[in-house]
Amino acid sequence: MIRILLICNAGMSTSILTEMMKQDSEYQKLGYIISCSNIINIERSFSEYDIILLAPQVRHIKERIVKTIKYYVPILVINNVDYATYNIKNTLLQIEKSLKEK
């Protein structure tokens, strides 16, 4: 099981994307456990996750997360267009590509 955390400002748009990704992940039998959080609650334990996805509007916190994590976790920024259009196919492809590189 691959554990994925999506982060955005308030968590509202990301919660929609998260639900869509969960459904597609289950349909494709990818074995992803997908959660979301807002920017305020990101100080939680990152050790629970295998990949962190940032919404485009919070890409500026990437370095802060890198400094917080004591081990390597891929931190990806979701493409602006994919995020705005809820293109989960491309977002899941971005995850798969990162997993292959890991």
PDB file of N, CA and C in Angstrom:
ATOM      1  N   MET A   1       0.834  -1.182   0.000  1.00  0.00           N
ATOM      2  CA  MET A   1       0.000   0.000   0.000  1.00  0.00           C
ATOM      3  C   MET A   1       0.882   1.250   0.000  1.00  0.00           C
ATOM      4  N   ILE A   2       0.607   2.138  -0.912  1.00  0.00           N
ATOM      5  CA  ILE A   2       1.320   3.409  -1.018  1.00  0.00           C
ATOM      6  C   ILE A   2       0.457   4.475  -0.352  1.00  0.00           C
ATOM      7  N   ARG A   3       1.031   5.184   0.609  1.00  0.00           N
ATOM      8  CA  ARG A   3       0.295   6.221   1.339  1.00  0.00           C
ATOM      9  C   ARG A   3       0.653   7.591   0.780  1.00  0.00           C
ATOM     10  N   ILE A   4      -0.384   8.334   0.390  1.00  0.00           N
ATOM     11  CA  ILE A   4      -0.206   9.617  -0.291  1.00  0.00           C
ATOM     12  C   ILE A   4      -0.915  10.707   0.502  1.00  0.00           C
ATOM     13  N   LEU A   5      -0.243  11.843   0.681  1.00  0.00           N
ATOM     14  CA  LEU A   5      -0.841  13.001   1.347  1.00  0.00           C
ATOM     15  C   LEU A   5      -0.911  14.158   0.369  1.00  0.00           C
ATOM     16  N   LEU A   6      -2.112  14.720   0.200  1.00  0.00           N
ATOM     17  CA  LEU A   6      -2.305  15.924  -0.615  1.00  0.00           C
ATOM     18  C   LEU A   6      -2.457  17.108   0.326  1.00  0.00           C
ATOM     19  N   ILE A   7      -1.789  18.209  -0.001  1.00  0.00           N
ATOM     20  CA  ILE A   7      -1.836  19.403   0.845  1.00  0.00           C
ATOM     21  C   ILE A   7      -2.240  20.610   0.009  1.00  0.00           C
ATOM     22  N   CYS A   8      -3.176  21.409   0.545  1.00  0.00           N
ATOM     23  CA  CYS A   8      -3.522  22.690  -0.085  1.00  0.00           C
ATOM     24  C   CYS A   8      -3.782  23.719   1.011  1.00  0.00           C
ATOM     25  N   ASN A   9      -4.196  24.917   0.629  1.00  0.00           N
ATOM     26  CA  ASN A   9      -4.396  25.995   1.598  1.00  0.00           C
ATOM     27  C   ASN A   9      -5.429  25.653   2.660  1.00  0.00           C
ATOM     28  N   ALA A  10      -6.670  25.488   2.253  1.00  0.00           N
ATOM     29  CA  ALA A  10      -7.746  25.248   3.209  1.00  0.00           C
ATOM     30  C   ALA A  10      -8.178  23.789   3.252  1.00  0.00           C
ATOM     31  N   GLY A  11      -7.792  23.016   2.273  1.00  0.00           N
ATOM     32  CA  GLY A  11      -8.171  21.613   2.234  1.00  0.00           C
ATOM     33  C   GLY A  11      -9.464  21.332   1.499  1.00  0.00           C
ATOM     34  N   MET A  12     -10.128  22.368   1.022  1.00  0.00           N
ATOM     35  CA  MET A  12     -11.428  22.162   0.381  1.00  0.00           C
ATOM     36  C   MET A  12     -11.290  21.589  -1.027  1.00  0.00           C
ATOM     37  N   SER A  13     -10.532  22.245  -1.875  1.00  0.00           N
ATOM     38  CA  SER A  13     -10.393  21.736  -3.246  1.00  0.00           C
ATOM     39  C   SER A  13      -9.631  20.419  -3.261  1.00  0.00           C
ATOM     40  N   THR A  14      -8.687  20.284  -2.366  1.00  0.00           N
ATOM     41  CA  THR A  14      -7.925  19.047  -2.307  1.00  0.00           C
ATOM     42  C   THR A  14      -8.784  17.889  -1.819  1.00  0.00           C
ATOM     43  N   SER A  15      -9.757  18.162  -0.956  1.00  0.00           N
ATOM     44  CA  SER A  15     -10.625  17.074  -0.498  1.00  0.00           C
ATOM     45  C   SER A  15     -11.441  16.509  -1.653  1.00  0.00           C
ATOM     46  N   ILE A  16     -11.850  17.358  -2.585  1.00  0.00           N
ATOM     47  CA  ILE A  16     -12.575  16.885  -3.770  1.00  0.00           C
ATOM     48  C   ILE A  16     -11.645  16.027  -4.627  1.00  0.00           C
ATOM     49  N   LEU A  17     -10.450  16.535  -4.877  1.00  0.00           N
ATOM     50  CA  LEU A  17      -9.469  15.796  -5.670  1.00  0.00           C
ATOM     51  C   LEU A  17      -9.117  14.469  -4.992  1.00  0.00           C
ATOM     52  N   THR A  18      -8.978  14.487  -3.691  1.00  0.00           N
ATOM     53  CA  THR A  18      -8.661  13.274  -2.932  1.00  0.00           C
ATOM     54  C   THR A  18      -9.730  12.210  -3.125  1.00  0.00           C
ATOM     55  N   GLU A  19     -10.992  12.595  -2.996  1.00  0.00           N
ATOM     56  CA  GLU A  19     -12.083  11.626  -3.171  1.00  0.00           C
ATOM     57  C   GLU A  19     -12.098  11.050  -4.579  1.00  0.00           C
ATOM     58  N   MET A  20     -11.873  11.899  -5.567  1.00  0.00           N
ATOM     59  CA  MET A  20     -11.833  11.420  -6.953  1.00  0.00           C
ATOM     60  C   MET A  20     -10.665  10.455  -7.159  1.00  0.00           C
ATOM     61  N   MET A  21      -9.522  10.784  -6.576  1.00  0.00           N
ATOM     62  CA  MET A  21      -8.349   9.922  -6.711  1.00  0.00           C
ATOM     63  C   MET A  21      -8.556   8.591  -5.994  1.00  0.00           C
ATOM     64  N   LYS A  22      -9.200   8.624  -4.829  1.00  0.00           N
ATOM     65  CA  LYS A  22      -9.495   7.387  -4.101  1.00  0.00           C
ATOM     66  C   LYS A  22     -10.359   6.463  -4.949  1.00  0.00           C
ATOM     67  N   GLN A  23     -11.401   7.023  -5.539  1.00  0.00           N
ATOM     68  CA  GLN A  23     -12.304   6.217  -6.366  1.00  0.00           C
ATOM     69  C   GLN A  23     -11.567   5.608  -7.550  1.00  0.00           C
ATOM     70  N   ASP A  24     -10.778   6.412  -8.238  1.00  0.00           N
ATOM     71  CA  ASP A  24     -10.053   5.914  -9.406  1.00  0.00           C
ATOM     72  C   ASP A  24      -8.985   4.903  -8.999  1.00  0.00           C
ATOM     73  N   SER A  25      -8.331   5.154  -7.896  1.00  0.00           N
ATOM     74  CA  SER A  25      -7.309   4.240  -7.394  1.00  0.00           C
ATOM     75  C   SER A  25      -7.922   2.882  -7.044  1.00  0.00           C
ATOM     76  N   GLU A  26      -9.085   2.903  -6.408  1.00  0.00           N
ATOM     77  CA  GLU A  26      -9.778   1.651  -6.086  1.00  0.00           C
ATOM     78  C   GLU A  26     -10.206   0.932  -7.363  1.00  0.00           C
ATOM     79  N   TYR A  27     -10.744   1.677  -8.315  1.00  0.00           N
ATOM     80  CA  TYR A  27     -11.189   1.095  -9.584  1.00  0.00           C
ATOM     81  C   TYR A  27     -10.027   0.418 -10.318  1.00  0.00           C
ATOM     82  N   GLN A  28      -8.876   1.083 -10.303  1.00  0.00           N
ATOM     83  CA  GLN A  28      -7.693   0.542 -10.984  1.00  0.00           C
ATOM     84  C   GLN A  28      -6.907  -0.457 -10.128  1.00  0.00           C
ATOM     85  N   LYS A  29      -7.350  -0.629  -8.876  1.00  0.00           N
ATOM     86  CA  LYS A  29      -6.674  -1.530  -7.930  1.00  0.00           C
ATOM     87  C   LYS A  29      -5.187  -1.169  -7.762  1.00  0.00           C
ATOM     88  N   LEU A  30      -4.940   0.123  -7.556  1.00  0.00           N
ATOM     89  CA  LEU A  30      -3.567   0.617  -7.419  1.00  0.00           C
ATOM     90  C   LEU A  30      -3.004   0.435  -6.009  1.00  0.00           C
ATOM     91  N   GLY A  31      -3.871   0.272  -5.030  1.00  0.00           N
ATOM     92  CA  GLY A  31      -3.398   0.092  -3.666  1.00  0.00           C
ATOM     93  C   GLY A  31      -2.917   1.367  -3.002  1.00  0.00           C
ATOM     94  N   TYR A  32      -3.489   2.496  -3.370  1.00  0.00           N
ATOM     95  CA  TYR A  32      -3.107   3.771  -2.764  1.00  0.00           C
ATOM     96  C   TYR A  32      -4.038   4.099  -1.595  1.00  0.00           C
ATOM     97  N   ILE A  33      -3.452   4.589  -0.528  1.00  0.00           N
ATOM     98  CA  ILE A  33      -4.220   5.156   0.582  1.00  0.00           C
ATOM     99  C   ILE A  33      -3.986   6.653   0.486  1.00  0.00           C
ATOM    100  N   ILE A  34      -5.044   7.412   0.220  1.00  0.00           N
ATOM    101  CA  ILE A  34      -4.901   8.835  -0.082  1.00  0.00           C
ATOM    102  C   ILE A  34      -5.596   9.671   0.988  1.00  0.00           C
ATOM    103  N   SER A  35      -4.865  10.617   1.549  1.00  0.00           N
ATOM    104  CA  SER A  35      -5.387  11.537   2.562  1.00  0.00           C
ATOM    105  C   SER A  35      -5.126  12.964   2.111  1.00  0.00           C
ATOM    106  N   CYS A  36      -5.822  13.902   2.747  1.00  0.00           N
ATOM    107  CA  CYS A  36      -5.552  15.309   2.444  1.00  0.00           C
ATOM    108  C   CYS A  36      -5.473  16.108   3.737  1.00  0.00           C
ATOM    109  N   SER A  37      -4.826  17.249   3.634  1.00  0.00           N
ATOM    110  CA  SER A  37      -4.647  18.127   4.782  1.00  0.00           C
ATOM    111  C   SER A  37      -4.558  19.560   4.294  1.00  0.00           C
ATOM    112  N   ASN A  38      -4.865  20.479   5.197  1.00  0.00           N
ATOM    113  CA  ASN A  38      -4.646  21.883   4.850  1.00  0.00           C
ATOM    114  C   ASN A  38      -3.244  22.280   5.301  1.00  0.00           C
ATOM    115  N   ILE A  39      -2.823  23.432   4.890  1.00  0.00           N
ATOM    116  CA  ILE A  39      -1.464  23.905   5.153  1.00  0.00           C
ATOM    117  C   ILE A  39      -1.196  24.094   6.652  1.00  0.00           C
ATOM    118  N   ILE A  40      -2.233  24.349   7.425  1.00  0.00           N
ATOM    119  CA  ILE A  40      -2.079  24.576   8.860  1.00  0.00           C
ATOM    120  C   ILE A  40      -1.723  23.289   9.594  1.00  0.00           C
ATOM    121  N   ASN A  41      -2.270  22.169   9.139  1.00  0.00           N
ATOM    122  CA  ASN A  41      -2.081  20.896   9.840  1.00  0.00           C
ATOM    123  C   ASN A  41      -0.953  20.036   9.291  1.00  0.00           C
ATOM    124  N   ILE A  42      -0.038  20.613   8.543  1.00  0.00           N
ATOM    125  CA  ILE A  42       0.988  19.778   7.915  1.00  0.00           C
ATOM    126  C   ILE A  42       2.123  19.380   8.846  1.00  0.00           C
ATOM    127  N   GLU A  43       2.120  19.870  10.050  1.00  0.00           N
ATOM    128  CA  GLU A  43       3.191  19.506  10.973  1.00  0.00           C
ATOM    129  C   GLU A  43       3.011  18.093  11.524  1.00  0.00           C
ATOM    130  N   ARG A  44       1.961  17.399  11.083  1.00  0.00           N
ATOM    131  CA  ARG A  44       1.750  16.024  11.534  1.00  0.00           C
ATOM    132  C   ARG A  44       2.909  15.147  11.060  1.00  0.00           C
ATOM    133  N   SER A  45       2.911  13.936  11.494  1.00  0.00           N
ATOM    134  CA  SER A  45       4.025  13.043  11.173  1.00  0.00           C
ATOM    135  C   SER A  45       4.058  12.679   9.698  1.00  0.00           C
ATOM    136  N   PHE A  46       5.092  13.135   9.016  1.00  0.00           N
ATOM    137  CA  PHE A  46       5.243  12.819   7.604  1.00  0.00           C
ATOM    138  C   PHE A  46       5.695  11.371   7.409  1.00  0.00           C
ATOM    139  N   SER A  47       6.142  10.736   8.475  1.00  0.00           N
ATOM    140  CA  SER A  47       6.617   9.358   8.353  1.00  0.00           C
ATOM    141  C   SER A  47       5.504   8.395   7.968  1.00  0.00           C
ATOM    142  N   GLU A  48       4.269   8.847   8.045  1.00  0.00           N
ATOM    143  CA  GLU A  48       3.127   8.010   7.668  1.00  0.00           C
ATOM    144  C   GLU A  48       2.959   7.916   6.154  1.00  0.00           C
ATOM    145  N   TYR A  49       3.664   8.732   5.376  1.00  0.00           N
ATOM    146  CA  TYR A  49       3.391   8.845   3.943  1.00  0.00           C
ATOM    147  C   TYR A  49       4.591   8.470   3.080  1.00  0.00           C
ATOM    148  N   ASP A  50       4.260   7.936   1.902  1.00  0.00           N
ATOM    149  CA  ASP A  50       5.278   7.558   0.927  1.00  0.00           C
ATOM    150  C   ASP A  50       5.494   8.645  -0.122  1.00  0.00           C
ATOM    151  N   ILE A  51       4.461   9.454  -0.357  1.00  0.00           N
ATOM    152  CA  ILE A  51       4.522  10.556  -1.322  1.00  0.00           C
ATOM    153  C   ILE A  51       3.691  11.712  -0.783  1.00  0.00           C
ATOM    154  N   ILE A  52       4.179  12.926  -0.996  1.00  0.00           N
ATOM    155  CA  ILE A  52       3.421  14.126  -0.629  1.00  0.00           C
ATOM    156  C   ILE A  52       3.162  14.912  -1.905  1.00  0.00           C
ATOM    157  N   LEU A  53       1.898  15.268  -2.116  1.00  0.00           N
ATOM    158  CA  LEU A  53       1.504  16.072  -3.278  1.00  0.00           C
ATOM    159  C   LEU A  53       1.076  17.444  -2.798  1.00  0.00           C
ATOM    160  N   LEU A  54       1.622  18.471  -3.407  1.00  0.00           N
ATOM    161  CA  LEU A  54       1.263  19.843  -3.059  1.00  0.00           C
ATOM    162  C   LEU A  54       0.373  20.435  -4.141  1.00  0.00           C
ATOM    163  N   ALA A  55      -0.683  21.101  -3.718  1.00  0.00           N
ATOM    164  CA  ALA A  55      -1.493  21.868  -4.657  1.00  0.00           C
ATOM    165  C   ALA A  55      -0.627  23.019  -5.164  1.00  0.00           C
ATOM    166  N   PRO A  56      -0.866  23.471  -6.386  1.00  0.00           N
ATOM    167  CA  PRO A  56      -0.018  24.532  -6.954  1.00  0.00           C
ATOM    168  C   PRO A  56       0.086  25.783  -6.082  1.00  0.00           C
ATOM    169  N   GLN A  57      -1.000  26.138  -5.397  1.00  0.00           N
ATOM    170  CA  GLN A  57      -0.995  27.374  -4.610  1.00  0.00           C
ATOM    171  C   GLN A  57      -0.161  27.280  -3.330  1.00  0.00           C
ATOM    172  N   VAL A  58       0.308  26.080  -2.974  1.00  0.00           N
ATOM    173  CA  VAL A  58       1.157  25.949  -1.781  1.00  0.00           C
ATOM    174  C   VAL A  58       2.549  25.409  -2.123  1.00  0.00           C
ATOM    175  N   ARG A  59       2.930  25.525  -3.366  1.00  0.00           N
ATOM    176  CA  ARG A  59       4.255  25.039  -3.776  1.00  0.00           C
ATOM    177  C   ARG A  59       5.372  25.693  -2.960  1.00  0.00           C
ATOM    178  N   HIS A  60       5.120  26.885  -2.421  1.00  0.00           N
ATOM    179  CA  HIS A  60       6.137  27.613  -1.655  1.00  0.00           C
ATOM    180  C   HIS A  60       6.519  26.924  -0.343  1.00  0.00           C
ATOM    181  N   ILE A  61       5.717  25.973   0.143  1.00  0.00           N
ATOM    182  CA  ILE A  61       6.052  25.297   1.401  1.00  0.00           C
ATOM    183  C   ILE A  61       6.915  24.053   1.193  1.00  0.00           C
ATOM    184  N   LYS A  62       7.241  23.760  -0.029  1.00  0.00           N
ATOM    185  CA  LYS A  62       8.010  22.544  -0.318  1.00  0.00           C
ATOM    186  C   LYS A  62       9.316  22.501   0.472  1.00  0.00           C
ATOM    187  N   GLU A  63      10.063  23.578   0.475  1.00  0.00           N
ATOM    188  CA  GLU A  63      11.343  23.602   1.193  1.00  0.00           C
ATOM    189  C   GLU A  63      11.147  23.422   2.695  1.00  0.00           C
ATOM    190  N   ARG A  64      10.079  23.983   3.230  1.00  0.00           N
ATOM    191  CA  ARG A  64       9.781  23.827   4.659  1.00  0.00           C
ATOM    192  C   ARG A  64       9.540  22.352   4.996  1.00  0.00           C
ATOM    193  N   ILE A  65       8.833  21.668   4.115  1.00  0.00           N
ATOM    194  CA  ILE A  65       8.566  20.247   4.338  1.00  0.00           C
ATOM    195  C   ILE A  65       9.853  19.443   4.222  1.00  0.00           C
ATOM    196  N   VAL A  66      10.666  19.754   3.226  1.00  0.00           N
ATOM    197  CA  VAL A  66      11.942  19.050   3.044  1.00  0.00           C
ATOM    198  C   VAL A  66      12.795  19.172   4.305  1.00  0.00           C
ATOM    199  N   LYS A  67      12.818  20.336   4.926  1.00  0.00           N
ATOM    200  CA  LYS A  67      13.606  20.545   6.145  1.00  0.00           C
ATOM    201  C   LYS A  67      13.021  19.795   7.336  1.00  0.00           C
ATOM    202  N   THR A  68      11.707  19.570   7.324  1.00  0.00           N
ATOM    203  CA  THR A  68      11.030  18.893   8.426  1.00  0.00           C
ATOM    204  C   THR A  68      11.235  17.383   8.378  1.00  0.00           C
ATOM    205  N   ILE A  69      11.252  16.830   7.185  1.00  0.00           N
ATOM    206  CA  ILE A  69      11.350  15.384   7.012  1.00  0.00           C
ATOM    207  C   ILE A  69      12.797  14.937   7.185  1.00  0.00           C
ATOM    208  N   LYS A  70      12.978  13.889   7.957  1.00  0.00           N
ATOM    209  CA  LYS A  70      14.322  13.402   8.257  1.00  0.00           C
ATOM    210  C   LYS A  70      14.783  12.308   7.284  1.00  0.00           C
ATOM    211  N   TYR A  71      13.964  11.973   6.301  1.00  0.00           N
ATOM    212  CA  TYR A  71      14.290  10.936   5.331  1.00  0.00           C
ATOM    213  C   TYR A  71      13.694  11.352   3.992  1.00  0.00           C
ATOM    214  N   TYR A  72      14.021  10.624   2.938  1.00  0.00           N
ATOM    215  CA  TYR A  72      13.548  11.014   1.610  1.00  0.00           C
ATOM    216  C   TYR A  72      12.103  10.584   1.378  1.00  0.00           C
ATOM    217  N   VAL A  73      11.281  11.529   1.012  1.00  0.00           N
ATOM    218  CA  VAL A  73       9.912  11.285   0.551  1.00  0.00           C
ATOM    219  C   VAL A  73       9.730  12.167  -0.677  1.00  0.00           C
ATOM    220  N   PRO A  74       9.260  11.590  -1.789  1.00  0.00           N
ATOM    221  CA  PRO A  74       9.003  12.445  -2.952  1.00  0.00           C
ATOM    222  C   PRO A  74       7.947  13.502  -2.614  1.00  0.00           C
ATOM    223  N   ILE A  75       8.258  14.747  -2.922  1.00  0.00           N
ATOM    224  CA  ILE A  75       7.308  15.845  -2.738  1.00  0.00           C
ATOM    225  C   ILE A  75       7.055  16.421  -4.121  1.00  0.00           C
ATOM    226  N   LEU A  76       5.846  16.225  -4.602  1.00  0.00           N
ATOM    227  CA  LEU A  76       5.483  16.632  -5.953  1.00  0.00           C
ATOM    228  C   LEU A  76       4.515  17.800  -5.913  1.00  0.00           C
ATOM    229  N   VAL A  77       4.636  18.687  -6.877  1.00  0.00           N
ATOM    230  CA  VAL A  77       3.672  19.774  -7.037  1.00  0.00           C
ATOM    231  C   VAL A  77       2.762  19.388  -8.193  1.00  0.00           C
ATOM    232  N   ILE A  78       1.468  19.375  -7.930  1.00  0.00           N
ATOM    233  CA  ILE A  78       0.500  19.013  -8.961  1.00  0.00           C
ATOM    234  C   ILE A  78       0.487  20.105 -10.031  1.00  0.00           C
ATOM    235  N   ASN A  79       0.478  19.689 -11.274  1.00  0.00           N
ATOM    236  CA  ASN A  79       0.416  20.612 -12.406  1.00  0.00           C
ATOM    237  C   ASN A  79      -0.801  21.535 -12.269  1.00  0.00           C
ATOM    238  N   ASN A  80      -0.611  22.829 -12.563  1.00  0.00           N
ATOM    239  CA  ASN A  80      -1.697  23.818 -12.433  1.00  0.00           C
ATOM    240  C   ASN A  80      -2.962  23.415 -13.182  1.00  0.00           C
ATOM    241  N   VAL A  81      -2.816  23.048 -14.440  1.00  0.00           N
ATOM    242  CA  VAL A  81      -3.980  22.706 -15.266  1.00  0.00           C
ATOM    243  C   VAL A  81      -4.641  21.431 -14.756  1.00  0.00           C
ATOM    244  N   ASP A  82      -3.846  20.436 -14.397  1.00  0.00           N
ATOM    245  CA  ASP A  82      -4.408  19.190 -13.874  1.00  0.00           C
ATOM    246  C   ASP A  82      -5.178  19.440 -12.585  1.00  0.00           C
ATOM    247  N   TYR A  83      -4.648  20.299 -11.741  1.00  0.00           N
ATOM    248  CA  TYR A  83      -5.317  20.619 -10.481  1.00  0.00           C
ATOM    249  C   TYR A  83      -6.620  21.373 -10.732  1.00  0.00           C
ATOM    250  N   ALA A  84      -6.571  22.369 -11.586  1.00  0.00           N
ATOM    251  CA  ALA A  84      -7.754  23.203 -11.856  1.00  0.00           C
ATOM    252  C   ALA A  84      -8.871  22.423 -12.534  1.00  0.00           C
ATOM    253  N   THR A  85      -8.500  21.419 -13.323  1.00  0.00           N
ATOM    254  CA  THR A  85      -9.504  20.650 -14.063  1.00  0.00           C
ATOM    255  C   THR A  85      -9.780  19.287 -13.427  1.00  0.00           C
ATOM    256  N   TYR A  86      -9.214  19.053 -12.254  1.00  0.00           N
ATOM    257  CA  TYR A  86      -9.360  17.762 -11.564  1.00  0.00           C
ATOM    258  C   TYR A  86      -8.980  16.601 -12.478  1.00  0.00           C
ATOM    259  N   ASN A  87      -7.870  16.746 -13.172  1.00  0.00           N
ATOM    260  CA  ASN A  87      -7.399  15.700 -14.071  1.00  0.00           C
ATOM    261  C   ASN A  87      -6.652  14.654 -13.248  1.00  0.00           C
ATOM    262  N   ILE A  88      -7.415  13.737 -12.677  1.00  0.00           N
ATOM    263  CA  ILE A  88      -6.802  12.737 -11.803  1.00  0.00           C
ATOM    264  C   ILE A  88      -5.954  11.737 -12.576  1.00  0.00           C
ATOM    265  N   LYS A  89      -6.284  11.531 -13.830  1.00  0.00           N
ATOM    266  CA  LYS A  89      -5.486  10.607 -14.645  1.00  0.00           C
ATOM    267  C   LYS A  89      -4.035  11.075 -14.695  1.00  0.00           C
ATOM    268  N   ASN A  90      -3.822  12.349 -15.022  1.00  0.00           N
ATOM    269  CA  ASN A  90      -2.454  12.886 -15.081  1.00  0.00           C
ATOM    270  C   ASN A  90      -1.796  12.925 -13.706  1.00  0.00           C
ATOM    271  N   THR A  91      -2.576  13.224 -12.678  1.00  0.00           N
ATOM    272  CA  THR A  91      -2.022  13.280 -11.327  1.00  0.00           C
ATOM    273  C   THR A  91      -1.574  11.892 -10.882  1.00  0.00           C
ATOM    274  N   LEU A  92      -2.374  10.868 -11.175  1.00  0.00           N
ATOM    275  CA  LEU A  92      -1.978   9.498 -10.841  1.00  0.00           C
ATOM    276  C   LEU A  92      -0.759   9.062 -11.653  1.00  0.00           C
ATOM    277  N   LEU A  93      -0.677   9.498 -12.900  1.00  0.00           N
ATOM    278  CA  LEU A  93       0.513   9.202 -13.714  1.00  0.00           C
ATOM    279  C   LEU A  93       1.761   9.857 -13.119  1.00  0.00           C
ATOM    280  N   GLN A  94       1.602  11.069 -12.595  1.00  0.00           N
ATOM    281  CA  GLN A  94       2.709  11.777 -11.948  1.00  0.00           C
ATOM    282  C   GLN A  94       3.195  10.974 -10.732  1.00  0.00           C
ATOM    283  N   ILE A  95       2.256  10.420  -9.977  1.00  0.00           N
ATOM    284  CA  ILE A  95       2.602   9.597  -8.814  1.00  0.00           C
ATOM    285  C   ILE A  95       3.337   8.335  -9.256  1.00  0.00           C
ATOM    286  N   GLU A  96       2.790   7.650 -10.245  1.00  0.00           N
ATOM    287  CA  GLU A  96       3.405   6.410 -10.731  1.00  0.00           C
ATOM    288  C   GLU A  96       4.826   6.647 -11.238  1.00  0.00           C
ATOM    289  N   LYS A  97       5.021   7.737 -11.952  1.00  0.00           N
ATOM    290  CA  LYS A  97       6.356   8.072 -12.460  1.00  0.00           C
ATOM    291  C   LYS A  97       7.327   8.294 -11.304  1.00  0.00           C
ATOM    292  N   SER A  98       6.874   8.993 -10.278  1.00  0.00           N
ATOM    293  CA  SER A  98       7.720   9.256  -9.119  1.00  0.00           C
ATOM    294  C   SER A  98       8.065   7.959  -8.385  1.00  0.00           C
ATOM    295  N   LEU A  99       7.109   7.052  -8.287  1.00  0.00           N
ATOM    296  CA  LEU A  99       7.358   5.774  -7.619  1.00  0.00           C
ATOM    297  C   LEU A  99       8.405   4.952  -8.368  1.00  0.00           C
ATOM    298  N   LYS A 100       8.374   5.004  -9.686  1.00  0.00           N
ATOM    299  CA  LYS A 100       9.349   4.263 -10.485  1.00  0.00           C
ATOM    300  C   LYS A 100      10.750   4.836 -10.322  1.00  0.00           C
ATOM    301  N   GLU A 101      10.839   6.159 -10.116  1.00  0.00           N
ATOM    302  CA  GLU A 101      12.135   6.826  -9.946  1.00  0.00           C
ATOM    303  C   GLU A 101      12.696   6.630  -8.551  1.00  0.00           C
ATOM    304  N   LYS A 102      11.825   6.348  -7.592  1.00  0.00           N
ATOM    305  CA  LYS A 102      12.217   6.214  -6.187  1.00  0.00           C
ATOM    306  C   LYS A 102      13.083   5.032  -6.036  1.00  0.00           C
TER     307      LYS A 102
END
